[in-house]
C-alpha atoms as a PDB file:
ATOM      1  CA  UNK A   1     -16.135   3.355  -9.998  1.00  0.00           C
ATOM      2  CA  UNK A   2     -17.787   0.258 -11.439  1.00  0.00           C
ATOM      3  CA  UNK A   3     -15.586  -2.768 -11.890  1.00  0.00           C
ATOM      4  CA  UNK A   4     -15.778  -4.832 -15.045  1.00  0.00           C
ATOM      5  CA  UNK A   5     -15.294  -8.560 -14.399  1.00  0.00           C
ATOM      6  CA  UNK A   6     -14.608 -10.599 -17.543  1.00  0.00           C
ATOM      7  CA  UNK A   7     -12.786 -13.548 -19.026  1.00  0.00           C
ATOM      8  CA  UNK A   8      -9.666 -12.560 -20.963  1.00  0.00           C
ATOM      9  CA  UNK A   9      -7.953 -15.507 -22.615  1.00  0.00           C
ATOM     10  CA  UNK A  10      -7.481 -18.122 -19.890  1.00  0.00           C
ATOM     11  CA  UNK A  11      -7.943 -15.677 -17.014  1.00  0.00           C
ATOM     12  CA  UNK A  12     -10.811 -14.060 -15.152  1.00  0.00           C
ATOM     13  CA  UNK A  13      -9.903 -10.424 -14.604  1.00  0.00           C
ATOM     14  CA  UNK A  14     -11.407  -7.333 -13.053  1.00  0.00           C
ATOM     15  CA  UNK A  15     -10.818  -4.077 -14.931  1.00  0.00           C
ATOM     16  CA  UNK A  16     -10.579  -1.230 -12.438  1.00  0.00           C
ATOM     17  CA  UNK A  17      -9.474   1.464 -14.891  1.00  0.00           C
ATOM     18  CA  UNK A  18     -10.514   1.109 -18.546  1.00  0.00           C
ATOM     19  CA  UNK A  19      -8.325   2.426 -21.340  1.00  0.00           C
ATOM     20  CA  UNK A  20      -8.870   6.161 -21.797  1.00  0.00           C
ATOM     21  CA  UNK A  21      -9.685   6.857 -18.149  1.00  0.00           C
ATOM     22  CA  UNK A  22      -7.336   8.419 -15.606  1.00  0.00           C
ATOM     23  CA  UNK A  23      -5.843   6.450 -12.736  1.00  0.00           C
ATOM     24  CA  UNK A  24      -4.693   8.300  -9.617  1.00  0.00           C
ATOM     25  CA  UNK A  25      -1.363   7.355  -8.053  1.00  0.00           C
ATOM     26  CA  UNK A  26       0.817   8.296  -5.103  1.00  0.00           C
ATOM     27  CA  UNK A  27       4.440   7.255  -4.650  1.00  0.00           C
ATOM     28  CA  UNK A  28       6.376   6.478  -1.467  1.00  0.00           C
ATOM     29  CA  UNK A  29       7.801  10.015  -1.408  1.00  0.00           C
ATOM     30  CA  UNK A  30       4.277  11.478  -1.274  1.00  0.00           C
ATOM     31  CA  UNK A  31       4.181  12.744  -4.856  1.00  0.00           C
ATOM     32  CA  UNK A  32       0.786  12.189  -6.487  1.00  0.00           C
ATOM     33  CA  UNK A  33      -0.784  12.557  -9.888  1.00  0.00           C
ATOM     34  CA  UNK A  34      -2.956  10.996 -12.553  1.00  0.00           C
ATOM     35  CA  UNK A  35      -2.133   8.966 -15.630  1.00  0.00           C
ATOM     36  CA  UNK A  36      -4.409   8.348 -18.595  1.00  0.00           C
ATOM     37  CA  UNK A  37      -4.474   4.599 -19.158  1.00  0.00           C
ATOM     38  CA  UNK A  38      -3.682   3.439 -22.691  1.00  0.00           C
ATOM     39  CA  UNK A  39      -4.811  -0.128 -21.919  1.00  0.00           C
ATOM     40  CA  UNK A  40      -7.384  -1.630 -19.562  1.00  0.00           C
ATOM     41  CA  UNK A  41      -5.847  -2.048 -16.086  1.00  0.00           C
ATOM     42  CA  UNK A  42      -6.953  -4.208 -13.175  1.00  0.00           C
ATOM     43  CA  UNK A  43      -6.128  -7.530 -11.590  1.00  0.00           C
ATOM     44  CA  UNK A  44      -6.343 -11.274 -12.154  1.00  0.00           C
ATOM     45  CA  UNK A  45      -9.030 -12.818  -9.945  1.00  0.00           C
ATOM     46  CA  UNK A  46      -7.977 -15.226  -7.210  1.00  0.00           C
ATOM     47  CA  UNK A  47      -4.264 -14.648  -7.859  1.00  0.00           C
ATOM     48  CA  UNK A  48      -2.261 -13.028  -5.087  1.00  0.00           C
ATOM     49  CA  UNK A  49       0.911 -11.122  -5.877  1.00  0.00           C
ATOM     50  CA  UNK A  50       4.105 -11.365  -3.800  1.00  0.00           C
ATOM     51  CA  UNK A  51       3.134  -8.078  -2.092  1.00  0.00           C
ATOM     52  CA  UNK A  52      -0.109  -9.641  -0.803  1.00  0.00           C
ATOM     53  CA  UNK A  53      -2.428  -7.656  -3.080  1.00  0.00           C
ATOM     54  CA  UNK A  54      -4.224  -8.996  -6.125  1.00  0.00           C
ATOM     55  CA  UNK A  55      -1.961  -9.615  -9.125  1.00  0.00           C
ATOM     56  CA  UNK A  56      -2.110  -6.443 -11.250  1.00  0.00           C
ATOM     57  CA  UNK A  57      -2.537  -6.722 -14.992  1.00  0.00           C
ATOM     58  CA  UNK A  58      -2.726  -4.732 -18.185  1.00  0.00           C
ATOM     59  CA  UNK A  59      -4.880  -6.070 -21.024  1.00  0.00           C
ATOM     60  CA  UNK A  60      -3.527  -5.903 -24.549  1.00  0.00           C
ATOM     61  CA  UNK A  61      -5.278  -6.376 -27.886  1.00  0.00           C
ATOM     62  CA  UNK A  62      -4.942 -10.186 -28.183  1.00  0.00           C
ATOM     63  CA  UNK A  63      -6.754 -12.333 -25.576  1.00  0.00           C
ATOM     64  CA  UNK A  64      -5.243 -15.442 -27.207  1.00  0.00           C
ATOM     65  CA  UNK A  65      -1.591 -14.289 -26.949  1.00  0.00           C
ATOM     66  CA  UNK A  66       0.713 -17.241 -26.323  1.00  0.00           C
ATOM     67  CA  UNK A  67       2.610 -15.819 -23.330  1.00  0.00           C
ATOM     68  CA  UNK A  68       1.973 -13.713 -20.245  1.00  0.00           C
ATOM     69  CA  UNK A  69       4.752 -11.168 -19.782  1.00  0.00           C
ATOM     70  CA  UNK A  70       5.536 -10.263 -16.168  1.00  0.00           C
ATOM     71  CA  UNK A  71       7.258  -6.948 -15.499  1.00  0.00           C
ATOM     72  CA  UNK A  72       9.190  -6.804 -12.212  1.00  0.00           C
ATOM     73  CA  UNK A  73       9.300  -3.346 -10.617  1.00  0.00           C
ATOM     74  CA  UNK A  74      11.465  -1.845  -7.896  1.00  0.00           C
ATOM     75  CA  UNK A  75      10.236   0.398  -5.080  1.00  0.00           C
ATOM     76  CA  UNK A  76      10.552   4.200  -5.197  1.00  0.00           C
ATOM     77  CA  UNK A  77      12.332   6.404  -4.325  1.00  0.00           C
ATOM     78  CA  UNK A  78      15.684   4.546  -4.331  1.00  0.00           C
ATOM     79  CA  UNK A  79      14.526   1.738  -6.660  1.00  0.00           C
ATOM     80  CA  UNK A  80      16.927  -0.668  -4.972  1.00  0.00           C
ATOM     81  CA  UNK A  81      14.453  -3.286  -3.709  1.00  0.00           C
ATOM     82  CA  UNK A  82      11.576  -5.264  -5.218  1.00  0.00           C
ATOM     83  CA  UNK A  83       8.144  -3.605  -5.207  1.00  0.00           C
ATOM     84  CA  UNK A  84       5.656  -5.575  -7.298  1.00  0.00           C
ATOM     85  CA  UNK A  85       4.940  -7.462 -10.494  1.00  0.00           C
ATOM     86  CA  UNK A  86       2.591  -6.422 -13.303  1.00  0.00           C
ATOM     87  CA  UNK A  87       1.200  -9.081 -15.648  1.00  0.00           C
ATOM     88  CA  UNK A  88       0.888  -8.024 -19.252  1.00  0.00           C
ATOM     89  CA  UNK A  89      -1.892 -10.122 -20.812  1.00  0.00           C
ATOM     90  CA  UNK A  90      -2.689 -10.049 -24.512  1.00  0.00           C
ATOM     91  CA  UNK A  91       0.579  -8.663 -25.871  1.00  0.00           C
ATOM     92  CA  UNK A  92       2.357 -10.328 -28.797  1.00  0.00           C
ATOM     93  CA  UNK A  93       5.871 -10.132 -27.379  1.00  0.00           C
ATOM     94  CA  UNK A  94       8.069  -8.730 -24.617  1.00  0.00           C
ATOM     95  CA  UNK A  95       8.837  -5.465 -26.420  1.00  0.00           C
ATOM     96  CA  UNK A  96       5.121  -4.739 -26.907  1.00  0.00           C
ATOM     97  CA  UNK A  97       4.346  -5.646 -23.293  1.00  0.00           C
ATOM     98  CA  UNK A  98       7.058  -3.418 -21.849  1.00  0.00           C
ATOM     99  CA  UNK A  99       6.184  -0.528 -24.193  1.00  0.00           C
ATOM    100  CA  UNK A 100       2.533  -0.766 -23.131  1.00  0.00           C
ATOM    101  CA  UNK A 101       3.428  -0.615 -19.455  1.00  0.00           C
ATOM    102  CA  UNK A 102       5.795   2.303 -19.934  1.00  0.00           C
ATOM    103  CA  UNK A 103       2.941   4.292 -21.494  1.00  0.00           C
ATOM    104  CA  UNK A 104       1.295   4.277 -18.070  1.00  0.00           C
ATOM    105  CA  UNK A 105       4.217   3.881 -15.660  1.00  0.00           C
ATOM    106  CA  UNK A 106       7.116   5.606 -17.387  1.00  0.00           C
ATOM    107  CA  UNK A 107       8.773   6.760 -14.158  1.00  0.00           C
ATOM    108  CA  UNK A 108       9.006   3.306 -12.613  1.00  0.00           C
ATOM    109  CA  UNK A 109      12.259   1.446 -13.232  1.00  0.00           C
ATOM    110  CA  UNK A 110      11.756  -2.166 -14.183  1.00  0.00           C
ATOM    111  CA  UNK A 111      14.234  -4.774 -13.034  1.00  0.00           C
ATOM    112  CA  UNK A 112      13.214  -7.528 -15.395  1.00  0.00           C
ATOM    113  CA  UNK A 113      10.686  -9.067 -17.697  1.00  0.00           C
ATOM    114  CA  UNK A 114       9.686 -12.722 -17.671  1.00  0.00           C
ATOM    115  CA  UNK A 115       7.535 -14.560 -20.224  1.00  0.00           C
ATOM    116  CA  UNK A 116       5.447 -17.427 -18.857  1.00  0.00           C
END
Protein backbone atom coordinates (compact mmCIF):
# COMPACT_ATOMS: atom_id res chain seq x y z
CA UNK A 1 0.00 0.00 0.00
CA UNK A 2 1.28 3.47 -0.86
CA UNK A 3 2.12 5.72 2.04
CA UNK A 4 1.07 9.35 2.02
CA UNK A 5 3.65 11.64 3.65
CA UNK A 6 2.34 15.12 4.45
CA UNK A 7 2.47 18.05 6.83
CA UNK A 8 -0.48 18.17 9.22
CA UNK A 9 -0.44 21.22 11.46
CA UNK A 10 3.01 21.32 13.06
CA UNK A 11 3.81 17.67 12.31
CA UNK A 12 5.07 15.63 9.39
CA UNK A 13 3.02 12.45 9.27
CA UNK A 14 2.76 9.33 7.16
CA UNK A 15 -0.77 8.06 6.50
CA UNK A 16 -0.70 4.28 6.25
CA UNK A 17 -4.47 3.74 6.16
CA UNK A 18 -6.66 6.53 4.77
CA UNK A 19 -10.17 7.10 6.06
CA UNK A 20 -12.59 4.69 4.39
CA UNK A 21 -10.06 1.89 3.93
CA UNK A 22 -9.81 -1.25 6.05
CA UNK A 23 -6.94 -1.86 8.45
CA UNK A 24 -6.08 -5.43 9.43
CA UNK A 25 -5.34 -6.19 13.08
CA UNK A 26 -4.36 -9.11 15.29
CA UNK A 27 -4.47 -9.11 19.08
CA UNK A 28 -2.22 -10.88 21.59
CA UNK A 29 -4.72 -13.73 21.91
CA UNK A 30 -4.46 -14.45 18.17
CA UNK A 31 -7.85 -13.03 17.20
CA UNK A 32 -7.72 -11.10 13.92
CA UNK A 33 -10.00 -8.94 11.85
CA UNK A 34 -10.40 -5.74 9.88
CA UNK A 35 -11.70 -2.33 10.81
CA UNK A 36 -12.86 0.38 8.42
CA UNK A 37 -11.00 3.54 9.37
CA UNK A 38 -13.16 6.62 9.96
CA UNK A 39 -10.11 8.91 10.05
CA UNK A 40 -6.69 8.82 8.38
CA UNK A 41 -4.32 6.65 10.45
CA UNK A 42 -0.53 6.50 10.44
CA UNK A 43 2.40 7.82 12.42
CA UNK A 44 4.30 11.00 13.23
CA UNK A 45 7.66 11.06 11.45
CA UNK A 46 10.83 10.92 13.53
CA UNK A 47 8.90 10.42 16.79
CA UNK A 48 9.39 7.14 18.60
CA UNK A 49 6.71 5.82 20.93
CA UNK A 50 7.45 4.22 24.32
CA UNK A 51 7.03 0.78 22.68
CA UNK A 52 9.89 1.53 20.25
CA UNK A 53 7.69 1.85 17.16
CA UNK A 54 6.77 5.08 15.42
CA UNK A 55 4.25 7.21 17.32
CA UNK A 56 0.81 6.26 15.95
CA UNK A 57 -1.67 8.98 15.10
CA UNK A 58 -5.18 9.61 13.89
CA UNK A 59 -5.85 12.75 11.84
CA UNK A 60 -8.96 14.76 12.57
CA UNK A 61 -10.64 17.53 10.59
CA UNK A 62 -8.67 20.52 11.97
CA UNK A 63 -4.90 20.64 11.25
CA UNK A 64 -4.69 23.82 13.36
CA UNK A 65 -6.28 22.32 16.52
CA UNK A 66 -4.72 23.80 19.64
CA UNK A 67 -3.91 20.53 21.45
CA UNK A 68 -2.70 17.03 20.67
CA UNK A 69 -4.71 14.46 22.62
CA UNK A 70 -2.81 11.32 23.60
CA UNK A 71 -4.82 8.19 24.36
CA UNK A 72 -3.04 5.67 26.61
CA UNK A 73 -3.97 2.04 25.93
CA UNK A 74 -3.49 -1.14 27.92
CA UNK A 75 -2.39 -4.50 26.50
CA UNK A 76 -4.85 -7.29 25.68
CA UNK A 77 -6.06 -9.73 26.84
CA UNK A 78 -5.94 -8.79 30.55
CA UNK A 79 -5.64 -5.02 29.95
CA UNK A 80 -3.65 -4.65 33.16
CA UNK A 81 -0.40 -3.21 31.76
CA UNK A 82 0.52 -0.37 29.40
CA UNK A 83 0.55 -1.16 25.68
CA UNK A 84 0.92 2.00 23.60
CA UNK A 85 -0.11 5.60 23.02
CA UNK A 86 -2.12 6.97 20.10
CA UNK A 87 -1.85 10.67 19.23
CA UNK A 88 -5.07 12.29 18.12
CA UNK A 89 -4.14 15.24 15.88
CA UNK A 90 -6.69 17.71 14.58
CA UNK A 91 -9.50 17.14 17.08
CA UNK A 92 -11.20 20.06 18.83
CA UNK A 93 -11.31 18.52 22.30
CA UNK A 94 -10.75 15.38 24.36
CA UNK A 95 -14.28 14.03 23.88
CA UNK A 96 -13.98 14.30 20.08
CA UNK A 97 -10.52 12.71 20.12
CA UNK A 98 -11.59 9.75 22.24
CA UNK A 99 -14.81 9.25 20.24
CA UNK A 100 -12.80 9.21 17.01
CA UNK A 101 -10.43 6.57 18.33
CA UNK A 102 -13.24 4.41 19.65
CA UNK A 103 -14.75 4.33 16.15
CA UNK A 104 -11.71 2.31 15.08
CA UNK A 105 -10.55 0.64 18.30
CA UNK A 106 -13.73 0.11 20.29
CA UNK A 107 -12.51 -3.09 21.98
CA UNK A 108 -9.36 -1.56 23.43
CA UNK A 109 -9.66 -0.20 26.96
CA UNK A 110 -8.05 3.18 27.40
CA UNK A 111 -6.36 4.04 30.67
CA UNK A 112 -6.16 7.77 30.18
CA UNK A 113 -6.19 10.75 27.91
CA UNK A 114 -3.67 13.59 28.03
CA UNK A 115 -3.83 16.91 26.18
CA UNK A 116 -0.47 18.42 25.23
